Amino acid sequence: MARVYLSLGSNLEPHRYLRAALEELRARFGTLTVSPAYRSKSVGFDGADFVNLAVGLDTDLSPEALNDWLHALEDRHGRRRDVPRYADRTLDVDIVLYDDLVRQGEDHLDIPRKELRHAFVLKPIADIAPQLVHPRDGRSMAELWAAFPAESEPLAVEPL
């Protein structure tokens, strides 16, 4: 079994879609470790605020098979793939960390995910796995968050 950390986000009916995604993830993978949710400005385009959170889970799926399952989850919840990559979305679920794997792959399957450099991905993972060590950087999530210029990407706790 691999320990995996996912980033979940939405800026179109985020409470609805994030709750639905958590239900499906629990049904498929069992016990989840779920971070608080945070509201932040969209990154890469001018859009509605996003609500993001992180999930830790154990899986026997390979990174590719998990990525395929997550894409199907997004699709079931109205994720459009006929729009620009940086656009409003009902659900965005990405593999951020998969054990201590480091890989650059097709289909945007880069692990660790480069978005870990943003507050909306780093802070939720630091909340649920502060001692987890970044496989490239060597610092823990808590150390990375402590060094992060939090004022540059403000987050607000968002009750789900």
Protein backbone atom coordinates (compact mmCIF):
# COMPACT_ATOMS: atom_id res chain seq x y z
CA MET A 1 0.00 0.00 0.00
CA ALA A 2 1.19 3.50 -0.84
CA ARG A 3 0.50 6.60 1.24
CA VAL A 4 -0.80 9.31 -1.06
CA TYR A 5 -1.65 12.97 -0.54
CA LEU A 6 -4.18 14.62 -2.82
CA SER A 7 -5.14 18.23 -3.35
CA LEU A 8 -8.85 18.89 -3.94
CA GLY A 9 -10.18 22.21 -5.15
CA SER A 10 -13.28 23.83 -6.58
CA ASN A 11 -14.53 27.29 -7.39
CA LEU A 12 -17.94 26.36 -8.78
CA GLU A 13 -20.28 25.28 -5.97
CA PRO A 14 -17.23 24.20 -3.95
CA HIS A 15 -19.06 22.92 -0.88
CA ARG A 16 -21.24 20.63 -2.99
CA TYR A 17 -18.45 19.21 -5.12
CA LEU A 18 -15.83 18.87 -2.40
CA ARG A 19 -18.26 17.04 -0.10
CA ALA A 20 -19.26 14.72 -2.96
CA ALA A 21 -15.61 14.00 -3.78
CA LEU A 22 -14.85 13.17 -0.14
CA GLU A 23 -17.80 10.75 -0.06
CA GLU A 24 -16.56 8.95 -3.17
CA LEU A 25 -12.97 8.85 -1.93
CA ARG A 26 -14.13 7.31 1.39
CA ALA A 27 -16.26 4.76 -0.46
CA ARG A 28 -13.30 3.69 -2.63
CA PHE A 29 -10.31 4.04 -0.26
CA GLY A 30 -11.75 3.81 3.26
CA THR A 31 -10.38 5.98 6.02
CA LEU A 32 -9.16 9.39 4.91
CA THR A 33 -7.11 12.03 6.66
CA VAL A 34 -8.77 15.32 5.71
CA SER A 35 -7.36 18.80 6.24
CA PRO A 36 -9.32 21.93 6.97
CA ALA A 37 -10.59 23.65 3.82
CA TYR A 38 -9.22 27.04 2.80
CA ARG A 39 -10.57 29.79 0.58
CA SER A 40 -8.06 31.57 -1.66
CA LYS A 41 -7.89 33.67 -4.80
CA SER A 42 -7.67 31.79 -8.08
CA VAL A 43 -4.12 31.32 -9.40
CA GLY A 44 -3.27 31.59 -13.08
CA PHE A 45 -6.52 33.24 -14.18
CA ASP A 46 -9.14 35.74 -13.06
CA GLY A 47 -11.94 33.66 -11.54
CA ALA A 48 -14.00 33.09 -8.43
CA ASP A 49 -12.24 32.16 -5.20
CA PHE A 50 -11.26 28.52 -4.81
CA VAL A 51 -11.84 26.30 -1.82
CA ASN A 52 -9.03 23.75 -1.39
CA LEU A 53 -8.21 20.97 1.00
CA ALA A 54 -5.87 17.98 1.22
CA VAL A 55 -6.59 14.30 1.72
CA GLY A 56 -4.24 11.55 2.83
CA LEU A 57 -5.15 7.99 1.91
CA ASP A 58 -3.67 4.55 1.39
CA THR A 59 -4.01 2.81 -1.95
CA ASP A 60 -2.86 -0.25 -3.84
CA LEU A 61 -3.35 1.58 -7.16
CA SER A 62 -0.33 2.63 -9.20
CA PRO A 63 0.09 6.38 -9.75
CA GLU A 64 -1.28 6.01 -13.29
CA ALA A 65 -4.31 3.96 -12.22
CA LEU A 66 -5.03 6.37 -9.35
CA ASN A 67 -4.72 9.33 -11.70
CA ASP A 68 -7.20 7.68 -14.10
CA TRP A 69 -9.62 7.03 -11.21
CA LEU A 70 -9.33 10.65 -10.07
CA HIS A 71 -9.97 11.96 -13.61
CA ALA A 72 -13.11 9.81 -13.77
CA LEU A 73 -14.16 11.25 -10.37
CA GLU A 74 -13.72 14.78 -11.71
CA ASP A 75 -15.66 13.89 -14.86
CA ARG A 76 -18.56 12.42 -12.84
CA HIS A 77 -18.83 15.79 -11.13
CA GLY A 78 -18.95 17.95 -14.23
CA ARG A 79 -15.27 18.73 -14.80
CA ARG A 80 -14.95 20.22 -18.27
CA ARG A 81 -11.88 19.41 -20.31
CA ASP A 82 -12.88 21.50 -23.35
CA VAL A 83 -11.89 24.78 -21.68
CA PRO A 84 -8.48 26.32 -20.98
CA ARG A 85 -6.45 24.51 -18.30
CA TYR A 86 -6.64 27.54 -16.01
CA ALA A 87 -10.38 28.07 -15.75
CA ASP A 88 -13.26 27.79 -13.30
CA ARG A 89 -13.94 24.19 -12.32
CA THR A 90 -16.36 22.08 -10.35
CA LEU A 91 -13.66 19.74 -9.13
CA ASP A 92 -9.92 19.45 -9.44
CA VAL A 93 -8.19 16.50 -7.76
CA ASP A 94 -4.45 16.04 -8.09
CA ILE A 95 -1.92 13.57 -6.73
CA VAL A 96 0.59 15.76 -4.90
CA LEU A 97 2.72 13.11 -3.19
CA TYR A 98 2.82 9.33 -3.64
CA ASP A 99 5.07 7.75 -0.99
CA ASP A 100 8.53 9.16 -1.72
CA LEU A 101 8.15 8.82 -5.50
CA VAL A 102 9.73 11.41 -7.78
CA ARG A 103 8.65 11.34 -11.43
CA GLN A 104 7.86 13.53 -14.38
CA GLY A 105 5.14 12.01 -16.50
CA GLU A 106 2.64 12.55 -19.23
CA ASP A 107 -0.94 13.63 -18.51
CA HIS A 108 0.30 16.19 -15.96
CA LEU A 109 1.30 13.34 -13.63
CA ASP A 110 4.31 15.00 -12.02
CA ILE A 111 5.07 13.79 -8.50
CA PRO A 112 5.65 15.68 -6.31
CA ARG A 113 3.20 18.08 -7.87
CA LYS A 114 4.72 21.48 -8.64
CA GLU A 115 1.68 23.25 -7.12
CA LEU A 116 3.09 22.28 -3.73
CA ARG A 117 4.87 25.64 -4.00
CA HIS A 118 1.49 27.38 -3.51
CA ALA A 119 -0.17 28.00 -0.14
CA PHE A 120 -3.45 26.39 -1.21
CA VAL A 121 -1.68 23.03 -1.64
CA LEU A 122 1.15 23.26 0.92
CA LYS A 123 -0.82 24.49 3.96
CA PRO A 124 -3.50 21.76 3.90
CA ILE A 125 -0.86 19.03 3.52
CA ALA A 126 1.25 20.58 6.29
CA ASP A 127 -1.89 20.51 8.47
CA ILE A 128 -2.38 16.74 8.11
CA ALA A 129 1.21 15.56 7.59
CA PRO A 130 3.57 18.09 9.18
CA GLN A 131 6.45 15.60 9.53
CA LEU A 132 6.16 14.30 5.97
CA VAL A 133 9.43 14.98 4.14
CA HIS A 134 9.43 16.42 0.62
CA PRO A 135 11.19 13.76 -1.51
CA ARG A 136 13.23 16.33 -3.45
CA ASP A 137 13.68 19.19 -0.99
CA GLY A 138 14.40 17.14 2.14
CA ARG A 139 12.43 19.44 4.44
CA SER A 140 9.22 18.49 6.22
CA MET A 141 5.88 19.98 5.22
CA ALA A 142 5.92 21.92 8.53
CA GLU A 143 9.36 23.36 7.69
CA LEU A 144 8.26 24.27 4.16
CA TRP A 145 5.14 26.00 5.50
CA ALA A 146 7.14 27.84 8.21
CA ALA A 147 9.41 29.22 5.46
CA PHE A 148 6.50 30.13 3.16
CA PRO A 149 5.67 33.85 2.72
CA ALA A 150 2.04 33.31 3.79
CA GLU A 151 1.08 36.95 3.20
CA SER A 152 1.82 36.48 -0.51
CA GLU A 153 -1.05 33.97 -0.92
CA PRO A 154 -3.62 34.61 1.83
CA LEU A 155 -5.82 31.75 2.96
CA ALA A 156 -9.00 31.83 5.03
CA VAL A 157 -10.42 28.76 6.75
CA GLU A 158 -13.62 27.73 5.00
CA PRO A 159 -16.07 25.46 6.87
CA LEU A 160 -17.37 22.65 4.66
